[in-house]
Amino acid sequence: MFPGAINPKQMQTMMKRMGIKMEEIDAEEVIIRCSDREIVITNPGVAKVVMQGQASFQITGQEHTREIEEEEVSIEIDDDDVKMVAEQAGTSEDEARAALEETGGDIAEAIMKIKG
C-alpha cells in the first residue's frame, strides 16, 4: 500500500494525521445475520477503523454458515379481544379470532382486515 518499509508506529502517526482512528477489538465471535442464514466468524480478528465519522470493521477468522430455522410463535388471543373485534367488525367470534391470529393479536388491524 505504501512504498518502502514503514514501521507500525510511523503508520499510526500517518493515520492520525489523516484523521483515521484504528482500534483492535477483542471479540470471541462475530455473527452476521441474514434473512435466511447466519455467518459466524470464530477466532476473529476485528479492527474498527473510523474515518470521516464513518466506522468500518475489518474481520478475519474462520467462517461457518448456519441456516436460520423459523420459529413458530404462538400468540395467546384474549377472549375479550375476540369479543371486541367481533362487535366492532360485526362478525362472528370465530372470524374475529382468525383475524386476530393472522394479525398477531393486533386488534385494530384485525378489525380493518375483516371490514376490508
C-alpha atoms as a PDB file:
ATOM      1  CA  MET A   1       0.000   0.000   0.000  1.00  0.00           C
ATOM      2  CA  PHE A   2       2.769   2.429   0.922  1.00  0.00           C
ATOM      3  CA  PRO A   3       6.186   2.413  -0.749  1.00  0.00           C
ATOM      4  CA  GLY A   4       9.105   1.206   1.332  1.00  0.00           C
ATOM      5  CA  ALA A   5       9.028  -0.332   4.776  1.00  0.00           C
ATOM      6  CA  ILE A   6       7.087   1.708   7.324  1.00  0.00           C
ATOM      7  CA  ASN A   7       7.157   0.649  10.921  1.00  0.00           C
ATOM      8  CA  PRO A   8       3.846   0.382  12.791  1.00  0.00           C
ATOM      9  CA  LYS A   9       4.493   3.486  14.890  1.00  0.00           C
ATOM     10  CA  GLN A  10       5.058   5.590  11.742  1.00  0.00           C
ATOM     11  CA  MET A  11       1.900   4.099  10.233  1.00  0.00           C
ATOM     12  CA  GLN A  12      -0.148   5.087  13.303  1.00  0.00           C
ATOM     13  CA  THR A  13       1.281   8.613  13.181  1.00  0.00           C
ATOM     14  CA  MET A  14       0.364   8.939   9.477  1.00  0.00           C
ATOM     15  CA  MET A  15      -3.148   7.619  10.092  1.00  0.00           C
ATOM     16  CA  LYS A  16      -3.636  10.027  12.997  1.00  0.00           C
ATOM     17  CA  ARG A  17      -2.598  12.973  10.782  1.00  0.00           C
ATOM     18  CA  MET A  18      -5.148  11.885   8.160  1.00  0.00           C
ATOM     19  CA  GLY A  19      -7.877  11.688  10.824  1.00  0.00           C
ATOM     20  CA  ILE A  20      -8.072   7.896  10.746  1.00  0.00           C
ATOM     21  CA  LYS A  21      -8.518   6.073  14.047  1.00  0.00           C
ATOM     22  CA  MET A  22      -7.971   2.340  14.300  1.00  0.00           C
ATOM     23  CA  GLU A  23      -8.876   0.165  17.247  1.00  0.00           C
ATOM     24  CA  GLU A  24      -8.411  -3.580  17.755  1.00  0.00           C
ATOM     25  CA  ILE A  25     -11.493  -5.208  19.277  1.00  0.00           C
ATOM     26  CA  ASP A  26     -11.067  -8.297  21.425  1.00  0.00           C
ATOM     27  CA  ALA A  27     -14.006 -10.355  20.129  1.00  0.00           C
ATOM     28  CA  GLU A  28     -14.758 -14.005  20.783  1.00  0.00           C
ATOM     29  CA  GLU A  29     -17.218 -14.483  17.922  1.00  0.00           C
ATOM     30  CA  VAL A  30     -18.799 -12.377  15.174  1.00  0.00           C
ATOM     31  CA  ILE A  31     -22.291 -13.187  13.890  1.00  0.00           C
ATOM     32  CA  ILE A  32     -23.725 -11.663  10.720  1.00  0.00           C
ATOM     33  CA  ARG A  33     -27.483 -12.311  10.479  1.00  0.00           C
ATOM     34  CA  CYS A  34     -29.024 -12.561   7.031  1.00  0.00           C
ATOM     35  CA  SER A  35     -32.665 -13.279   6.257  1.00  0.00           C
ATOM     36  CA  ASP A  36     -32.056 -16.984   5.693  1.00  0.00           C
ATOM     37  CA  ARG A  37     -28.740 -17.770   7.407  1.00  0.00           C
ATOM     38  CA  GLU A  38     -26.136 -16.635   9.895  1.00  0.00           C
ATOM     39  CA  ILE A  39     -22.470 -16.241   9.065  1.00  0.00           C
ATOM     40  CA  VAL A  40     -20.439 -16.997  12.170  1.00  0.00           C
ATOM     41  CA  ILE A  41     -16.769 -15.998  12.369  1.00  0.00           C
ATOM     42  CA  THR A  42     -14.894 -17.863  15.092  1.00  0.00           C
ATOM     43  CA  ASN A  43     -11.475 -16.874  16.432  1.00  0.00           C
ATOM     44  CA  PRO A  44     -11.950 -13.438  14.852  1.00  0.00           C
ATOM     45  CA  GLY A  45      -9.506 -10.625  14.455  1.00  0.00           C
ATOM     46  CA  VAL A  46     -11.576  -7.445  14.448  1.00  0.00           C
ATOM     47  CA  ALA A  47     -10.302  -3.962  13.653  1.00  0.00           C
ATOM     48  CA  LYS A  48     -12.530  -0.884  13.844  1.00  0.00           C
ATOM     49  CA  VAL A  49     -11.453   1.941  11.551  1.00  0.00           C
ATOM     50  CA  VAL A  50     -13.075   5.371  11.910  1.00  0.00           C
ATOM     51  CA  MET A  51     -12.519   7.781   9.039  1.00  0.00           C
ATOM     52  CA  GLN A  52     -14.500  10.984   8.451  1.00  0.00           C
ATOM     53  CA  GLY A  53     -17.021   9.956  11.099  1.00  0.00           C
ATOM     54  CA  GLN A  54     -17.789   6.608   9.453  1.00  0.00           C
ATOM     55  CA  ALA A  55     -16.905   3.364  11.231  1.00  0.00           C
ATOM     56  CA  SER A  56     -15.784   0.324   9.241  1.00  0.00           C
ATOM     57  CA  PHE A  57     -14.975  -3.082  10.616  1.00  0.00           C
ATOM     58  CA  GLN A  58     -12.410  -5.473   9.191  1.00  0.00           C
ATOM     59  CA  ILE A  59     -12.996  -9.060  10.280  1.00  0.00           C
ATOM     60  CA  THR A  60     -10.753 -12.059   9.717  1.00  0.00           C
ATOM     61  CA  GLY A  61     -11.245 -15.574  11.056  1.00  0.00           C
ATOM     62  CA  GLN A  62     -12.817 -18.934  10.409  1.00  0.00           C
ATOM     63  CA  GLU A  63     -16.181 -18.724   8.660  1.00  0.00           C
ATOM     64  CA  HIS A  64     -19.102 -21.023   9.412  1.00  0.00           C
ATOM     65  CA  THR A  65     -22.613 -20.755   7.990  1.00  0.00           C
ATOM     66  CA  ARG A  66     -25.757 -21.960   9.676  1.00  0.00           C
ATOM     67  CA  GLU A  67     -29.314 -21.883   8.403  1.00  0.00           C
ATOM     68  CA  ILE A  68     -31.907 -19.968  10.373  1.00  0.00           C
ATOM     69  CA  GLU A  69     -34.882 -22.047  11.403  1.00  0.00           C
ATOM     70  CA  GLU A  70     -38.116 -20.149  11.571  1.00  0.00           C
ATOM     71  CA  GLU A  71     -39.669 -20.387  14.978  1.00  0.00           C
ATOM     72  CA  GLU A  72     -43.403 -20.661  15.212  1.00  0.00           C
ATOM     73  CA  VAL A  73     -44.581 -18.070  17.668  1.00  0.00           C
ATOM     74  CA  SER A  74     -47.843 -18.809  19.354  1.00  0.00           C
ATOM     75  CA  ILE A  75     -49.841 -15.790  20.370  1.00  0.00           C
ATOM     76  CA  GLU A  76     -52.457 -16.050  23.057  1.00  0.00           C
ATOM     77  CA  ILE A  77     -55.618 -14.348  21.940  1.00  0.00           C
ATOM     78  CA  ASP A  78     -57.680 -12.992  24.830  1.00  0.00           C
ATOM     79  CA  ASP A  79     -61.412 -13.791  24.717  1.00  0.00           C
ATOM     80  CA  ASP A  80     -62.206 -10.140  25.481  1.00  0.00           C
ATOM     81  CA  ASP A  81     -60.203  -9.104  22.395  1.00  0.00           C
ATOM     82  CA  VAL A  82     -62.134 -11.615  20.284  1.00  0.00           C
ATOM     83  CA  LYS A  83     -65.461 -10.240  21.545  1.00  0.00           C
ATOM     84  CA  MET A  84     -64.362  -6.649  20.919  1.00  0.00           C
ATOM     85  CA  VAL A  85     -63.244  -7.380  17.351  1.00  0.00           C
ATOM     86  CA  ALA A  86     -66.441  -9.344  16.649  1.00  0.00           C
ATOM     87  CA  GLU A  87     -68.608  -6.477  17.930  1.00  0.00           C
ATOM     88  CA  GLN A  88     -66.673  -3.726  16.158  1.00  0.00           C
ATOM     89  CA  ALA A  89     -66.461  -5.602  12.845  1.00  0.00           C
ATOM     90  CA  GLY A  90     -69.980  -7.041  13.034  1.00  0.00           C
ATOM     91  CA  THR A  91     -68.849 -10.624  12.582  1.00  0.00           C
ATOM     92  CA  SER A  92     -68.706 -13.960  14.397  1.00  0.00           C
ATOM     93  CA  GLU A  93     -66.231 -14.687  17.159  1.00  0.00           C
ATOM     94  CA  ASP A  94     -64.636 -17.436  15.051  1.00  0.00           C
ATOM     95  CA  GLU A  95     -63.906 -14.981  12.225  1.00  0.00           C
ATOM     96  CA  ALA A  96     -62.674 -12.398  14.741  1.00  0.00           C
ATOM     97  CA  ARG A  97     -60.310 -14.955  16.340  1.00  0.00           C
ATOM     98  CA  ALA A  98     -58.962 -15.959  12.903  1.00  0.00           C
ATOM     99  CA  ALA A  99     -58.321 -12.298  12.031  1.00  0.00           C
ATOM    100  CA  LEU A 100     -56.549 -11.714  15.355  1.00  0.00           C
ATOM    101  CA  GLU A 101     -54.352 -14.776  14.786  1.00  0.00           C
ATOM    102  CA  GLU A 102     -53.442 -13.569  11.272  1.00  0.00           C
ATOM    103  CA  THR A 103     -52.533 -10.100  12.547  1.00  0.00           C
ATOM    104  CA  GLY A 104     -50.528 -11.295  15.528  1.00  0.00           C
ATOM    105  CA  GLY A 105     -53.103 -10.087  18.035  1.00  0.00           C
ATOM    106  CA  ASP A 106     -53.355  -6.539  16.648  1.00  0.00           C
ATOM    107  CA  ILE A 107     -56.964  -5.536  17.377  1.00  0.00           C
ATOM    108  CA  ALA A 108     -57.181  -2.529  15.049  1.00  0.00           C
ATOM    109  CA  GLU A 109     -55.570  -4.400  12.164  1.00  0.00           C
ATOM    110  CA  ALA A 110     -57.906  -7.365  12.703  1.00  0.00           C
ATOM    111  CA  ILE A 111     -60.955  -5.082  12.522  1.00  0.00           C
ATOM    112  CA  MET A 112     -59.623  -3.407   9.367  1.00  0.00           C
ATOM    113  CA  LYS A 113     -58.916  -6.820   7.819  1.00  0.00           C
ATOM    114  CA  ILE A 114     -62.474  -8.019   8.391  1.00  0.00           C
ATOM    115  CA  LYS A 115     -64.092  -4.782   7.212  1.00  0.00           C
ATOM    116  CA  GLY A 116     -61.800  -4.810   4.167  1.00  0.00           C
END
